[in-house]
Structures are given as structure tokens and as C-alpha cells.
N, C-alpha and C. Protein backbone atom coordinates (compact mmCIF):
# COMPACT_ATOMS: atom_id res chain seq x y z
N MET A 1 -74.16 23.28 71.30
CA MET A 1 -75.25 22.58 70.72
C MET A 1 -75.08 22.42 69.21
N ALA A 2 -74.36 23.37 68.58
CA ALA A 2 -74.19 23.31 67.14
C ALA A 2 -73.31 22.16 66.73
N GLY A 3 -72.37 21.74 67.57
CA GLY A 3 -71.47 20.65 67.22
C GLY A 3 -71.92 19.33 67.81
N HIS A 4 -73.16 19.22 68.23
CA HIS A 4 -73.66 18.02 68.89
C HIS A 4 -73.68 16.84 67.90
N GLY A 5 -73.00 15.76 68.21
CA GLY A 5 -73.02 14.56 67.38
C GLY A 5 -72.03 14.57 66.24
N THR A 6 -71.24 15.60 66.09
CA THR A 6 -70.27 15.66 65.01
C THR A 6 -68.88 15.43 65.55
N ILE A 7 -68.06 14.86 64.73
CA ILE A 7 -66.66 14.62 65.10
C ILE A 7 -65.80 15.53 64.24
N GLN A 8 -64.97 16.28 64.87
CA GLN A 8 -64.07 17.15 64.13
C GLN A 8 -62.71 16.49 64.04
N ARG A 9 -62.21 16.40 62.83
CA ARG A 9 -60.91 15.79 62.61
C ARG A 9 -59.88 16.88 62.35
N PRO A 10 -58.65 16.64 62.79
CA PRO A 10 -57.61 17.64 62.50
C PRO A 10 -57.32 17.67 61.00
N SER A 11 -56.87 18.80 60.54
CA SER A 11 -56.57 18.96 59.12
C SER A 11 -55.34 18.14 58.75
N THR A 12 -55.40 17.49 57.58
CA THR A 12 -54.27 16.68 57.11
C THR A 12 -53.33 17.49 56.23
N MET A 13 -53.72 18.71 55.91
CA MET A 13 -52.85 19.54 55.07
C MET A 13 -51.79 20.19 55.93
N SER A 14 -50.56 20.11 55.48
CA SER A 14 -49.48 20.74 56.24
C SER A 14 -49.17 22.10 55.63
N THR A 15 -48.96 23.06 56.47
CA THR A 15 -48.62 24.39 56.01
C THR A 15 -47.16 24.65 56.34
N PRO A 16 -46.44 25.25 55.42
CA PRO A 16 -45.04 25.54 55.71
C PRO A 16 -44.91 26.55 56.85
N THR A 17 -43.92 26.33 57.66
CA THR A 17 -43.75 27.21 58.83
C THR A 17 -43.03 28.50 58.48
N THR A 18 -42.17 28.45 57.47
CA THR A 18 -41.46 29.66 57.07
C THR A 18 -41.85 30.01 55.65
N PRO A 19 -41.99 31.27 55.37
CA PRO A 19 -42.33 31.66 54.00
C PRO A 19 -41.19 31.30 53.04
N THR A 20 -41.58 30.80 51.84
CA THR A 20 -40.57 30.46 50.85
C THR A 20 -40.18 31.65 50.01
N ASP A 21 -41.05 32.62 49.91
CA ASP A 21 -40.76 33.82 49.14
C ASP A 21 -40.83 35.00 50.11
N PRO A 22 -39.75 35.80 50.19
CA PRO A 22 -39.78 36.89 51.15
C PRO A 22 -40.89 37.90 50.90
N GLU A 23 -41.34 38.07 49.66
CA GLU A 23 -42.40 39.04 49.40
C GLU A 23 -43.77 38.47 49.71
N ASP A 24 -43.86 37.13 49.91
CA ASP A 24 -45.13 36.50 50.18
C ASP A 24 -45.42 36.55 51.67
N SER A 25 -46.45 37.27 52.07
CA SER A 25 -46.74 37.46 53.49
C SER A 25 -47.60 36.34 54.07
N THR A 26 -48.16 35.48 53.22
CA THR A 26 -49.05 34.44 53.73
C THR A 26 -48.30 33.20 54.16
N GLY A 27 -47.05 33.03 53.76
CA GLY A 27 -46.29 31.85 54.13
C GLY A 27 -46.53 30.68 53.20
N LYS A 28 -47.23 30.86 52.10
CA LYS A 28 -47.51 29.79 51.14
C LYS A 28 -46.68 30.01 49.89
N ASN A 29 -46.37 28.90 49.23
CA ASN A 29 -45.62 28.95 47.99
C ASN A 29 -46.59 29.31 46.86
N ARG A 30 -46.19 30.22 46.00
CA ARG A 30 -47.07 30.64 44.91
C ARG A 30 -47.29 29.53 43.89
N ASP A 31 -46.35 28.59 43.78
CA ASP A 31 -46.51 27.50 42.82
C ASP A 31 -47.63 26.55 43.22
N ASP A 32 -48.01 26.54 44.49
CA ASP A 32 -49.08 25.67 44.94
C ASP A 32 -50.44 26.09 44.38
N PHE A 33 -50.57 27.35 43.99
CA PHE A 33 -51.85 27.86 43.54
C PHE A 33 -52.00 27.88 42.03
N GLU A 34 -50.98 27.48 41.28
CA GLU A 34 -51.08 27.47 39.83
C GLU A 34 -51.92 26.28 39.39
N ARG A 35 -52.73 26.51 38.41
CA ARG A 35 -53.58 25.45 37.89
C ARG A 35 -52.77 24.58 36.93
N PRO A 36 -53.08 23.27 36.90
CA PRO A 36 -52.38 22.43 35.93
C PRO A 36 -52.82 22.79 34.51
N GLU A 37 -51.94 22.56 33.58
CA GLU A 37 -52.23 22.92 32.20
C GLU A 37 -53.23 21.96 31.61
N PHE A 38 -54.25 22.48 30.95
CA PHE A 38 -55.29 21.66 30.32
C PHE A 38 -54.86 21.34 28.90
N ARG A 39 -54.92 20.05 28.56
CA ARG A 39 -54.56 19.64 27.20
C ARG A 39 -55.68 18.79 26.64
N LEU A 40 -56.12 19.12 25.45
CA LEU A 40 -57.15 18.37 24.77
C LEU A 40 -56.47 17.36 23.86
N VAL A 41 -56.79 16.07 24.05
CA VAL A 41 -56.18 15.01 23.26
C VAL A 41 -57.27 14.38 22.41
N CYS A 42 -57.05 14.32 21.12
CA CYS A 42 -58.01 13.73 20.20
C CYS A 42 -57.50 12.35 19.77
N PRO A 43 -58.32 11.30 19.89
CA PRO A 43 -57.86 9.97 19.51
C PRO A 43 -57.88 9.72 18.01
N PHE A 44 -58.28 10.70 17.22
CA PHE A 44 -58.34 10.53 15.77
C PHE A 44 -57.25 11.37 15.12
N SER A 45 -56.62 10.80 14.09
CA SER A 45 -55.67 11.55 13.28
C SER A 45 -55.54 10.88 11.93
N ILE A 46 -55.12 11.64 10.96
CA ILE A 46 -54.93 11.11 9.61
C ILE A 46 -53.55 10.48 9.53
N PRO A 47 -53.46 9.23 9.04
CA PRO A 47 -52.14 8.59 8.97
C PRO A 47 -51.25 9.29 7.94
N SER A 48 -49.95 9.19 8.18
CA SER A 48 -49.00 9.91 7.34
C SER A 48 -48.72 9.20 6.02
N SER A 49 -48.93 7.89 5.96
CA SER A 49 -48.66 7.15 4.72
C SER A 49 -49.64 5.99 4.60
N THR A 50 -49.60 5.33 3.45
CA THR A 50 -50.49 4.19 3.25
C THR A 50 -50.07 3.00 4.11
N GLU A 51 -48.77 2.89 4.39
CA GLU A 51 -48.32 1.82 5.26
C GLU A 51 -48.83 2.02 6.69
N ALA A 52 -48.79 3.26 7.15
CA ALA A 52 -49.31 3.57 8.48
C ALA A 52 -50.82 3.34 8.54
N ALA A 53 -51.53 3.65 7.45
CA ALA A 53 -52.97 3.42 7.40
C ALA A 53 -53.29 1.93 7.43
N SER A 54 -52.55 1.14 6.67
CA SER A 54 -52.81 -0.30 6.68
C SER A 54 -52.46 -0.92 8.03
N LEU A 55 -51.41 -0.42 8.67
CA LEU A 55 -51.05 -0.90 10.00
C LEU A 55 -52.14 -0.57 11.01
N ARG A 56 -52.69 0.63 10.91
CA ARG A 56 -53.79 1.01 11.81
C ARG A 56 -55.03 0.15 11.57
N ILE A 57 -55.34 -0.11 10.29
CA ILE A 57 -56.52 -0.93 9.98
C ILE A 57 -56.37 -2.31 10.59
N ILE A 58 -55.22 -2.94 10.40
CA ILE A 58 -55.00 -4.28 10.93
C ILE A 58 -55.07 -4.28 12.46
N ARG A 59 -54.43 -3.31 13.08
CA ARG A 59 -54.41 -3.23 14.54
C ARG A 59 -55.81 -2.96 15.10
N ASN A 60 -56.54 -2.04 14.49
CA ASN A 60 -57.86 -1.68 15.01
C ASN A 60 -58.90 -2.75 14.71
N LEU A 61 -58.78 -3.45 13.58
CA LEU A 61 -59.70 -4.55 13.31
C LEU A 61 -59.51 -5.66 14.33
N GLY A 62 -58.29 -5.89 14.74
CA GLY A 62 -58.04 -6.88 15.77
C GLY A 62 -58.53 -6.43 17.13
N HIS A 63 -58.37 -5.16 17.41
CA HIS A 63 -58.74 -4.64 18.74
C HIS A 63 -60.24 -4.42 18.88
N PHE A 64 -60.90 -3.88 17.85
CA PHE A 64 -62.31 -3.52 17.91
C PHE A 64 -63.20 -4.50 17.16
N ALA A 65 -62.76 -5.72 16.90
CA ALA A 65 -63.53 -6.67 16.09
C ALA A 65 -64.92 -6.91 16.66
N LEU A 66 -65.01 -7.08 17.95
CA LEU A 66 -66.31 -7.34 18.57
C LEU A 66 -67.25 -6.14 18.42
N TYR A 67 -66.72 -4.94 18.58
CA TYR A 67 -67.55 -3.74 18.45
C TYR A 67 -67.98 -3.52 17.01
N TYR A 68 -67.09 -3.75 16.06
CA TYR A 68 -67.46 -3.63 14.65
C TYR A 68 -68.53 -4.65 14.28
N THR A 69 -68.38 -5.87 14.78
CA THR A 69 -69.37 -6.91 14.50
C THR A 69 -70.72 -6.55 15.08
N HIS A 70 -70.73 -6.03 16.29
CA HIS A 70 -71.99 -5.61 16.90
C HIS A 70 -72.63 -4.46 16.12
N PHE A 71 -71.82 -3.55 15.63
CA PHE A 71 -72.35 -2.42 14.85
C PHE A 71 -73.03 -2.93 13.59
N VAL A 72 -72.36 -3.82 12.85
CA VAL A 72 -72.95 -4.36 11.62
C VAL A 72 -74.20 -5.18 11.95
N TRP A 73 -74.15 -5.96 13.03
CA TRP A 73 -75.29 -6.79 13.41
C TRP A 73 -76.49 -5.94 13.77
N ILE A 74 -76.30 -4.86 14.51
CA ILE A 74 -77.42 -4.00 14.90
C ILE A 74 -78.05 -3.33 13.68
N VAL A 75 -77.23 -2.87 12.75
CA VAL A 75 -77.78 -2.24 11.54
C VAL A 75 -78.55 -3.27 10.72
N LEU A 76 -78.01 -4.48 10.59
CA LEU A 76 -78.72 -5.54 9.85
C LEU A 76 -80.01 -5.92 10.57
N PHE A 77 -79.97 -6.01 11.88
CA PHE A 77 -81.16 -6.33 12.66
C PHE A 77 -82.25 -5.29 12.43
N ILE A 78 -81.89 -4.02 12.47
CA ILE A 78 -82.87 -2.94 12.26
C ILE A 78 -83.39 -2.97 10.83
N ALA A 79 -82.53 -3.31 9.87
CA ALA A 79 -82.97 -3.37 8.47
C ALA A 79 -83.94 -4.53 8.23
N LEU A 80 -83.82 -5.61 8.99
CA LEU A 80 -84.68 -6.77 8.78
C LEU A 80 -86.02 -6.67 9.52
N ILE A 81 -86.14 -5.78 10.48
CA ILE A 81 -87.36 -5.72 11.30
C ILE A 81 -88.63 -5.48 10.48
N PRO A 82 -88.69 -4.52 9.56
CA PRO A 82 -89.99 -4.24 8.94
C PRO A 82 -90.52 -5.35 8.03
N GLU A 83 -89.65 -6.03 7.27
CA GLU A 83 -90.15 -6.92 6.22
C GLU A 83 -89.79 -8.39 6.40
N ARG A 84 -88.65 -8.71 6.91
CA ARG A 84 -88.12 -10.09 6.89
C ARG A 84 -88.10 -10.69 8.29
N LYS A 85 -89.25 -11.15 8.75
CA LYS A 85 -89.34 -11.73 10.09
C LYS A 85 -88.61 -13.07 10.19
N VAL A 86 -88.71 -13.92 9.16
CA VAL A 86 -88.06 -15.23 9.19
C VAL A 86 -86.54 -15.05 9.18
N SER A 87 -86.05 -14.14 8.37
CA SER A 87 -84.61 -13.87 8.33
C SER A 87 -84.12 -13.33 9.66
N LEU A 88 -84.94 -12.54 10.29
CA LEU A 88 -84.61 -11.99 11.60
C LEU A 88 -84.50 -13.11 12.64
N ILE A 89 -85.39 -14.07 12.57
CA ILE A 89 -85.33 -15.20 13.50
C ILE A 89 -84.07 -16.02 13.26
N TYR A 90 -83.71 -16.26 12.01
CA TYR A 90 -82.47 -16.98 11.70
C TYR A 90 -81.24 -16.23 12.18
N LEU A 91 -81.26 -14.92 12.04
CA LEU A 91 -80.14 -14.11 12.51
C LEU A 91 -79.98 -14.21 14.02
N VAL A 92 -81.08 -14.17 14.73
CA VAL A 92 -81.03 -14.29 16.18
C VAL A 92 -80.57 -15.69 16.60
N ILE A 93 -81.03 -16.72 15.91
CA ILE A 93 -80.61 -18.09 16.23
C ILE A 93 -79.11 -18.26 16.02
N MET A 94 -78.58 -17.77 14.91
CA MET A 94 -77.14 -17.91 14.65
C MET A 94 -76.31 -17.07 15.64
N THR A 95 -76.84 -15.95 16.07
CA THR A 95 -76.17 -15.17 17.10
C THR A 95 -76.14 -15.94 18.42
N TYR A 96 -77.23 -16.61 18.71
CA TYR A 96 -77.32 -17.42 19.93
C TYR A 96 -76.32 -18.58 19.86
N VAL A 97 -76.19 -19.23 18.69
CA VAL A 97 -75.24 -20.34 18.52
C VAL A 97 -73.81 -19.83 18.71
N ALA A 98 -73.48 -18.69 18.12
CA ALA A 98 -72.13 -18.14 18.27
C ALA A 98 -71.86 -17.76 19.72
N SER A 99 -72.84 -17.20 20.41
CA SER A 99 -72.65 -16.84 21.82
C SER A 99 -72.46 -18.08 22.68
N LEU A 100 -73.22 -19.14 22.42
CA LEU A 100 -73.04 -20.39 23.17
C LEU A 100 -71.67 -20.99 22.94
N TYR A 101 -71.19 -20.93 21.70
CA TYR A 101 -69.86 -21.45 21.41
C TYR A 101 -68.79 -20.67 22.18
N LEU A 102 -68.88 -19.36 22.18
CA LEU A 102 -67.90 -18.54 22.89
C LEU A 102 -67.97 -18.76 24.40
N LEU A 103 -69.18 -18.93 24.93
CA LEU A 103 -69.31 -19.22 26.35
C LEU A 103 -68.76 -20.60 26.69
N LEU A 104 -68.94 -21.56 25.79
CA LEU A 104 -68.39 -22.90 26.00
C LEU A 104 -66.87 -22.85 26.02
N LEU A 105 -66.28 -22.03 25.15
CA LEU A 105 -64.81 -21.89 25.16
C LEU A 105 -64.31 -21.31 26.48
N ARG A 106 -65.06 -20.39 27.05
CA ARG A 106 -64.63 -19.79 28.33
C ARG A 106 -64.83 -20.73 29.50
N ALA A 107 -65.86 -21.59 29.41
CA ALA A 107 -66.17 -22.48 30.53
C ALA A 107 -65.23 -23.67 30.61
N LEU A 108 -64.66 -24.08 29.49
CA LEU A 108 -63.79 -25.25 29.47
C LEU A 108 -62.44 -24.92 30.11
N PRO A 109 -61.79 -25.93 30.66
CA PRO A 109 -60.44 -25.68 31.20
C PRO A 109 -59.48 -25.30 30.08
N PRO A 110 -58.44 -24.56 30.39
CA PRO A 110 -57.54 -24.07 29.34
C PRO A 110 -56.78 -25.17 28.62
N ASN A 111 -56.63 -26.34 29.21
CA ASN A 111 -55.87 -27.39 28.54
C ASN A 111 -56.77 -28.42 27.87
N PHE A 112 -58.03 -28.08 27.60
CA PHE A 112 -58.95 -28.99 26.91
C PHE A 112 -58.50 -29.11 25.46
N TYR A 113 -58.17 -30.32 25.03
CA TYR A 113 -57.46 -30.50 23.76
C TYR A 113 -58.33 -30.25 22.54
N LEU A 114 -59.57 -30.73 22.54
CA LEU A 114 -60.39 -30.70 21.34
C LEU A 114 -60.65 -29.28 20.84
N LEU A 115 -61.07 -28.39 21.73
CA LEU A 115 -61.39 -27.03 21.30
C LEU A 115 -60.20 -26.08 21.40
N ASP A 116 -59.23 -26.42 22.23
CA ASP A 116 -58.11 -25.51 22.43
C ASP A 116 -57.07 -25.64 21.33
N LYS A 117 -56.72 -26.84 20.93
CA LYS A 117 -55.61 -27.05 20.00
C LYS A 117 -56.07 -27.26 18.56
N SER A 118 -57.09 -28.09 18.35
CA SER A 118 -57.40 -28.50 16.98
C SER A 118 -58.34 -27.55 16.25
N ILE A 119 -59.23 -26.88 16.95
CA ILE A 119 -60.20 -26.00 16.31
C ILE A 119 -59.92 -24.57 16.71
N ASP A 120 -59.68 -23.72 15.73
CA ASP A 120 -59.42 -22.31 16.01
C ASP A 120 -60.75 -21.56 16.13
N LYS A 121 -60.80 -20.62 17.04
CA LYS A 121 -62.02 -19.85 17.29
C LYS A 121 -62.42 -19.04 16.06
N SER A 122 -61.47 -18.46 15.36
CA SER A 122 -61.81 -17.63 14.20
C SER A 122 -62.39 -18.46 13.06
N ILE A 123 -61.97 -19.72 12.93
CA ILE A 123 -62.52 -20.58 11.88
C ILE A 123 -63.99 -20.88 12.17
N VAL A 124 -64.30 -21.23 13.41
CA VAL A 124 -65.68 -21.55 13.78
C VAL A 124 -66.58 -20.31 13.63
N LEU A 125 -66.10 -19.16 14.09
CA LEU A 125 -66.91 -17.95 13.96
C LEU A 125 -67.08 -17.55 12.50
N GLY A 126 -66.05 -17.79 11.68
CA GLY A 126 -66.18 -17.54 10.24
C GLY A 126 -67.21 -18.45 9.59
N LEU A 127 -67.24 -19.72 10.00
CA LEU A 127 -68.25 -20.65 9.48
C LEU A 127 -69.66 -20.24 9.91
N ILE A 128 -69.79 -19.77 11.13
CA ILE A 128 -71.10 -19.30 11.59
C ILE A 128 -71.53 -18.06 10.80
N ALA A 129 -70.60 -17.16 10.51
CA ALA A 129 -70.93 -15.97 9.71
C ALA A 129 -71.34 -16.35 8.30
N VAL A 130 -70.62 -17.31 7.69
CA VAL A 130 -70.98 -17.76 6.33
C VAL A 130 -72.34 -18.44 6.35
N ALA A 131 -72.61 -19.27 7.36
CA ALA A 131 -73.92 -19.92 7.45
C ALA A 131 -75.04 -18.89 7.62
N THR A 132 -74.77 -17.84 8.38
CA THR A 132 -75.77 -16.78 8.56
C THR A 132 -76.03 -16.07 7.23
N MET A 133 -74.98 -15.80 6.48
CA MET A 133 -75.15 -15.14 5.18
C MET A 133 -75.95 -16.02 4.22
N VAL A 134 -75.66 -17.33 4.22
CA VAL A 134 -76.39 -18.24 3.35
C VAL A 134 -77.86 -18.30 3.76
N GLU A 135 -78.13 -18.34 5.04
CA GLU A 135 -79.52 -18.34 5.50
C GLU A 135 -80.25 -17.06 5.11
N LEU A 136 -79.58 -15.94 5.18
CA LEU A 136 -80.21 -14.68 4.79
C LEU A 136 -80.48 -14.64 3.29
N ILE A 137 -79.58 -15.20 2.51
CA ILE A 137 -79.80 -15.23 1.06
C ILE A 137 -80.93 -16.18 0.71
N VAL A 138 -81.00 -17.33 1.37
CA VAL A 138 -82.06 -18.31 1.09
C VAL A 138 -83.42 -17.75 1.47
N THR A 139 -83.50 -16.98 2.53
CA THR A 139 -84.78 -16.39 2.95
C THR A 139 -85.06 -15.06 2.26
N GLU A 140 -84.38 -14.80 1.18
CA GLU A 140 -84.59 -13.62 0.32
C GLU A 140 -84.31 -12.30 1.04
N ALA A 141 -83.33 -12.33 1.93
CA ALA A 141 -82.90 -11.10 2.59
C ALA A 141 -81.49 -10.74 2.16
N GLY A 142 -81.05 -11.27 1.04
CA GLY A 142 -79.71 -10.99 0.54
C GLY A 142 -79.50 -9.53 0.20
N LEU A 143 -80.54 -8.89 -0.34
CA LEU A 143 -80.43 -7.47 -0.67
C LEU A 143 -80.23 -6.63 0.60
N HIS A 144 -80.92 -6.99 1.66
CA HIS A 144 -80.73 -6.29 2.94
C HIS A 144 -79.31 -6.47 3.45
N LEU A 145 -78.78 -7.68 3.30
CA LEU A 145 -77.41 -7.96 3.73
C LEU A 145 -76.40 -7.14 2.93
N VAL A 146 -76.57 -7.10 1.61
CA VAL A 146 -75.64 -6.35 0.76
C VAL A 146 -75.70 -4.86 1.07
N ILE A 147 -76.90 -4.33 1.22
CA ILE A 147 -77.05 -2.90 1.52
C ILE A 147 -76.46 -2.58 2.89
N THR A 148 -76.69 -3.46 3.86
CA THR A 148 -76.13 -3.24 5.20
C THR A 148 -74.61 -3.26 5.17
N LEU A 149 -74.04 -4.24 4.47
CA LEU A 149 -72.58 -4.31 4.38
C LEU A 149 -72.01 -3.12 3.61
N ALA A 150 -72.71 -2.69 2.56
CA ALA A 150 -72.24 -1.53 1.79
C ALA A 150 -72.30 -0.24 2.61
N ALA A 151 -73.22 -0.18 3.56
CA ALA A 151 -73.34 1.03 4.38
C ALA A 151 -72.42 1.02 5.58
N THR A 152 -72.16 -0.17 6.17
CA THR A 152 -71.41 -0.21 7.42
C THR A 152 -69.92 -0.45 7.25
N VAL A 153 -69.51 -1.19 6.24
CA VAL A 153 -68.08 -1.49 6.07
C VAL A 153 -67.26 -0.21 5.82
N PRO A 154 -67.72 0.75 5.01
CA PRO A 154 -66.94 1.99 4.90
C PRO A 154 -66.82 2.75 6.22
N ILE A 155 -67.86 2.76 7.03
CA ILE A 155 -67.79 3.43 8.33
C ILE A 155 -66.78 2.74 9.23
N VAL A 156 -66.79 1.41 9.22
CA VAL A 156 -65.85 0.65 10.02
C VAL A 156 -64.42 0.92 9.56
N LEU A 157 -64.19 0.93 8.25
CA LEU A 157 -62.84 1.18 7.73
C LEU A 157 -62.37 2.60 8.02
N ILE A 158 -63.26 3.57 7.92
CA ILE A 158 -62.88 4.96 8.24
C ILE A 158 -62.49 5.06 9.71
N HIS A 159 -63.25 4.43 10.58
CA HIS A 159 -62.90 4.44 12.00
C HIS A 159 -61.57 3.74 12.23
N ALA A 160 -61.36 2.60 11.56
CA ALA A 160 -60.11 1.85 11.75
C ALA A 160 -58.90 2.62 11.24
N VAL A 161 -59.07 3.43 10.21
CA VAL A 161 -57.95 4.22 9.68
C VAL A 161 -57.66 5.42 10.57
N LEU A 162 -58.68 6.08 11.07
CA LEU A 162 -58.47 7.33 11.80
C LEU A 162 -58.18 7.14 13.28
N TRP A 163 -58.57 6.02 13.88
CA TRP A 163 -58.38 5.83 15.32
C TRP A 163 -56.93 5.55 15.63
N VAL A 164 -56.36 6.36 16.50
CA VAL A 164 -55.00 6.15 16.98
C VAL A 164 -55.09 5.23 18.17
N ARG A 165 -54.03 4.53 18.47
CA ARG A 165 -54.03 3.59 19.59
C ARG A 165 -54.54 4.24 20.86
N GLU A 166 -55.01 3.41 21.80
CA GLU A 166 -55.65 3.94 23.00
C GLU A 166 -54.71 4.70 23.92
N ASP A 167 -53.39 4.56 23.74
CA ASP A 167 -52.49 5.36 24.55
C ASP A 167 -52.09 6.65 23.83
N PHE A 168 -52.82 7.01 22.79
CA PHE A 168 -52.68 8.25 22.06
C PHE A 168 -51.24 8.49 21.60
N CYS A 169 -50.81 7.68 20.68
CA CYS A 169 -49.47 7.81 20.13
C CYS A 169 -49.54 8.28 18.69
N VAL A 170 -48.50 8.95 18.26
CA VAL A 170 -48.36 9.37 16.88
C VAL A 170 -47.60 8.26 16.16
N GLU A 171 -47.95 8.00 14.90
CA GLU A 171 -47.35 6.88 14.18
C GLU A 171 -45.85 7.04 13.96
N GLU A 172 -45.42 8.19 13.50
CA GLU A 172 -44.02 8.34 13.15
C GLU A 172 -43.47 9.65 13.68
N ARG A 173 -42.17 9.66 13.92
CA ARG A 173 -41.47 10.90 14.24
C ARG A 173 -40.37 11.04 13.20
N THR A 174 -40.43 12.11 12.43
CA THR A 174 -39.41 12.32 11.41
C THR A 174 -38.27 13.07 12.05
N GLY A 175 -37.20 12.36 12.30
CA GLY A 175 -36.05 12.95 12.95
C GLY A 175 -34.93 13.18 11.97
N GLY A 176 -33.72 13.25 12.50
CA GLY A 176 -32.56 13.50 11.67
C GLY A 176 -32.21 12.33 10.77
N GLY A 177 -32.65 11.10 11.13
CA GLY A 177 -32.31 9.93 10.34
C GLY A 177 -33.11 9.83 9.07
N GLY A 178 -34.16 10.61 8.93
CA GLY A 178 -35.00 10.57 7.73
C GLY A 178 -35.88 9.34 7.74
N GLY A 179 -37.03 9.41 7.14
CA GLY A 179 -37.90 8.27 6.98
C GLY A 179 -38.76 7.95 8.20
N GLY A 180 -38.33 8.24 9.39
CA GLY A 180 -39.16 8.01 10.57
C GLY A 180 -39.03 6.62 11.13
N GLY A 181 -39.23 5.58 10.35
CA GLY A 181 -39.09 4.22 10.82
C GLY A 181 -40.29 3.68 11.57
N GLY A 182 -41.40 4.39 11.65
CA GLY A 182 -42.60 3.90 12.30
C GLY A 182 -42.54 3.87 13.81
N GLU A 183 -41.75 4.70 14.42
CA GLU A 183 -41.62 4.73 15.88
C GLU A 183 -42.85 5.38 16.48
N LEU A 184 -43.38 4.78 17.55
CA LEU A 184 -44.54 5.33 18.24
C LEU A 184 -44.07 6.27 19.32
N VAL A 185 -44.58 7.49 19.31
CA VAL A 185 -44.20 8.48 20.31
C VAL A 185 -45.46 9.09 20.89
N PRO A 186 -45.45 9.50 22.17
CA PRO A 186 -46.65 10.10 22.75
C PRO A 186 -46.95 11.46 22.15
N LEU A 187 -48.25 11.80 22.12
CA LEU A 187 -48.65 13.09 21.61
C LEU A 187 -48.20 14.23 22.51
N VAL A 188 -48.19 14.01 23.80
CA VAL A 188 -47.76 15.03 24.76
C VAL A 188 -46.33 14.71 25.13
N ASP A 189 -45.45 15.64 24.88
CA ASP A 189 -44.05 15.44 25.18
C ASP A 189 -43.86 15.54 26.69
N GLU A 190 -43.30 14.50 27.29
CA GLU A 190 -43.15 14.42 28.75
C GLU A 190 -42.25 15.53 29.29
N SER A 191 -41.23 15.93 28.54
CA SER A 191 -40.28 16.92 29.06
C SER A 191 -40.91 18.32 29.15
N THR A 192 -41.82 18.64 28.25
CA THR A 192 -42.45 19.96 28.31
C THR A 192 -43.70 19.96 29.18
N ALA A 193 -44.26 18.78 29.48
CA ALA A 193 -45.49 18.73 30.27
C ALA A 193 -45.19 19.05 31.74
N MET A 194 -43.99 18.83 32.22
CA MET A 194 -43.68 19.05 33.62
C MET A 194 -43.26 20.48 33.92
N VAL A 195 -43.14 21.33 32.92
CA VAL A 195 -42.70 22.69 33.12
C VAL A 195 -43.74 23.54 33.76
């Protein structure tokens, strides 16, 4: 009655038939019971030189551009809420225009000549950003814009300098050749990880 309605499946684990270690009376290999080594990997590190820092900034600004833009936009949005309602409306309208443009680019076929070849996406988004800044200055929210940029741009740059690539690589390996050469190597050495 206890097994009524249940289906028992055979075990999929195979057990060795002969003991691998003569002193082991259970017939199991002792290596099967060892826990894997735990390694803590931090995606942040200080670059070794100014060239490595500038390379990281360029790479991370390209990779995290949308996230950095959203961060600055959210801080500016929160700064405009208490006092500048008209500026807030203009900011939302320009965000809506930029979102519609990006959605239009995705909806068009890839070989559409007008938007694909002649107009670059970064130029249009730059013009929208400049128009938004001009609107904020005209509506007397320029001080909010300057304070927001002064507060968020250093945070963005610090993140861009300290963030290592998503596959957790070290910028340089100083070997026998001297200088390093900017070679990317993994933080966890593969040869020692399998031991």
C-alpha cells in the first residue's frame, strides 16, 4: 500500500564491481568523494599601466554604453522630479524619440539603404542627446544636468577602469620577454585547476 501509484526507476549510477584501492572495503574510489576546489573570482582589478586603463575604458564604454546611459538617465530623472516638471516631460519625450528610432532600426530589413548605409546610429543618438541637453538648458534645468553629469561620470569611469572583461582575464603577463605585450590570460590557470 505504501508504494501505491508510484513508479520506481532503476538507479542510473554505476558502481564499480571491483575495489580500486585494496584498503578500501566499500568498493568505491576515494577520489569520487573529494569536493571540487572553490575559487572566488572578482571581476574588478586595478590596471597595471595607463595604457591598460585606457584600453579597459574604451572596451567597457563600448560594451556597457547602454547601462551607463541608463544610469545617468535615472539619476537625472530623479534629480528633475522635485522641481522641474517641464524639463522632466522633455526628457521623457526625447527618450521616447530615441527608443522609437532604435526600434525602427530593428524593424527594418538589414539591407534598407537609407538608414543602414547613409545614417550612422551613433550620429543620430548623439544628436538626440545634444537636443535633450539644449532642451534642459532652455527650461532652466542646466544646473541639474551639470550636477548629474559631475556626479555620475566619475562613477562610470571608475567602473570602466576597474571592470575586467566578462571572461575574467588579466591584462598582461610579464614573462621572460619583458614588457608583457598586453596578452590576455585567464585568472585561473587551467593546468593547476585540474589537479
